[in-house]
C-alpha atoms as a PDB file:
ATOM      1  CA  GLU A   1       2.426 -13.875 -30.102  1.00  0.00           C
ATOM      2  CA  LEU A   2       6.142 -13.776 -29.046  1.00  0.00           C
ATOM      3  CA  SER A   3       6.945 -10.809 -31.325  1.00  0.00           C
ATOM      4  CA  LEU A   4       4.226  -8.953 -29.378  1.00  0.00           C
ATOM      5  CA  TYR A   5       5.887  -9.523 -26.039  1.00  0.00           C
ATOM      6  CA  LYS A   6       9.168  -8.474 -27.660  1.00  0.00           C
ATOM      7  CA  LYS A   7       7.716  -5.437 -29.106  1.00  0.00           C
ATOM      8  CA  ALA A   8       6.053  -4.470 -25.607  1.00  0.00           C
ATOM      9  CA  GLY A   9       9.418  -4.184 -24.008  1.00  0.00           C
ATOM     10  CA  THR A  10       9.851  -4.024 -20.281  1.00  0.00           C
ATOM     11  CA  VAL A  11       6.795  -4.806 -18.211  1.00  0.00           C
ATOM     12  CA  TRP A  12       6.390  -2.790 -15.014  1.00  0.00           C
ATOM     13  CA  ILE A  13       3.593  -4.747 -13.574  1.00  0.00           C
ATOM     14  CA  SER A  14       4.079  -7.573 -11.171  1.00  0.00           C
ATOM     15  CA  TYR A  15       1.907  -9.383  -8.697  1.00  0.00           C
ATOM     16  CA  ALA A  16       3.074  -7.006  -5.848  1.00  0.00           C
ATOM     17  CA  VAL A  17       2.355  -3.697  -7.743  1.00  0.00           C
ATOM     18  CA  PRO A  18      -1.531  -3.712  -7.355  1.00  0.00           C
ATOM     19  CA  PHE A  19      -0.972  -4.175  -3.425  1.00  0.00           C
ATOM     20  CA  ILE A  20       1.006  -1.029  -3.095  1.00  0.00           C
ATOM     21  CA  ILE A  21      -1.996   1.227  -2.712  1.00  0.00           C
ATOM     22  CA  PRO A  22      -3.937  -0.685  -0.134  1.00  0.00           C
ATOM     23  CA  ILE A  23      -0.820  -1.369   1.892  1.00  0.00           C
ATOM     24  CA  THR A  24      -0.024   2.354   1.829  1.00  0.00           C
ATOM     25  CA  ALA A  25      -3.498   3.206   2.799  1.00  0.00           C
ATOM     26  CA  GLY A  26      -3.520   0.721   5.637  1.00  0.00           C
ATOM     27  CA  TYR A  27      -0.098   2.121   6.865  1.00  0.00           C
ATOM     28  CA  VAL A  28      -1.403   5.666   6.929  1.00  0.00           C
ATOM     29  CA  THR A  29      -4.617   4.735   8.507  1.00  0.00           C
ATOM     30  CA  ALA A  30      -2.775   2.806  11.250  1.00  0.00           C
ATOM     31  CA  ILE A  31      -0.495   5.626  11.927  1.00  0.00           C
ATOM     32  CA  ILE A  32      -3.485   8.209  12.198  1.00  0.00           C
ATOM     33  CA  PHE A  33      -5.861   5.971  14.170  1.00  0.00           C
ATOM     34  CA  GLY A  34      -3.032   4.422  16.339  1.00  0.00           C
ATOM     35  CA  ASP A  35      -1.855   7.971  17.408  1.00  0.00           C
ATOM     36  CA  PHE A  36      -5.473   8.985  18.095  1.00  0.00           C
ATOM     37  CA  LEU A  37      -6.314   5.908  20.204  1.00  0.00           C
ATOM     38  CA  LEU A  38      -3.009   6.301  22.142  1.00  0.00           C
ATOM     39  CA  VAL A  39      -3.873   9.935  22.988  1.00  0.00           C
ATOM     40  CA  LEU A  40      -7.342   8.758  23.774  1.00  0.00           C
ATOM     41  CA  MET A  41      -6.296   6.025  26.080  1.00  0.00           C
ATOM     42  CA  ASP A  42      -3.553   8.350  27.750  1.00  0.00           C
ATOM     43  CA  LEU A  43      -6.473  10.855  28.600  1.00  0.00           C
ATOM     44  CA  ILE A  44      -8.689   8.142  30.077  1.00  0.00           C
ATOM     45  CA  PHE A  45      -6.091   6.205  32.072  1.00  0.00           C
END
């Protein structure tokens, strides 16, 4: 089993890597909808 890990080499997956996509999507969504709501509130008030 240890030889299999040595044969695989460097592993690029960690606990944080799967969260990159949802965090990026949330960031982009917050920028788009945040700006939209800011403009909408500026027009109303």
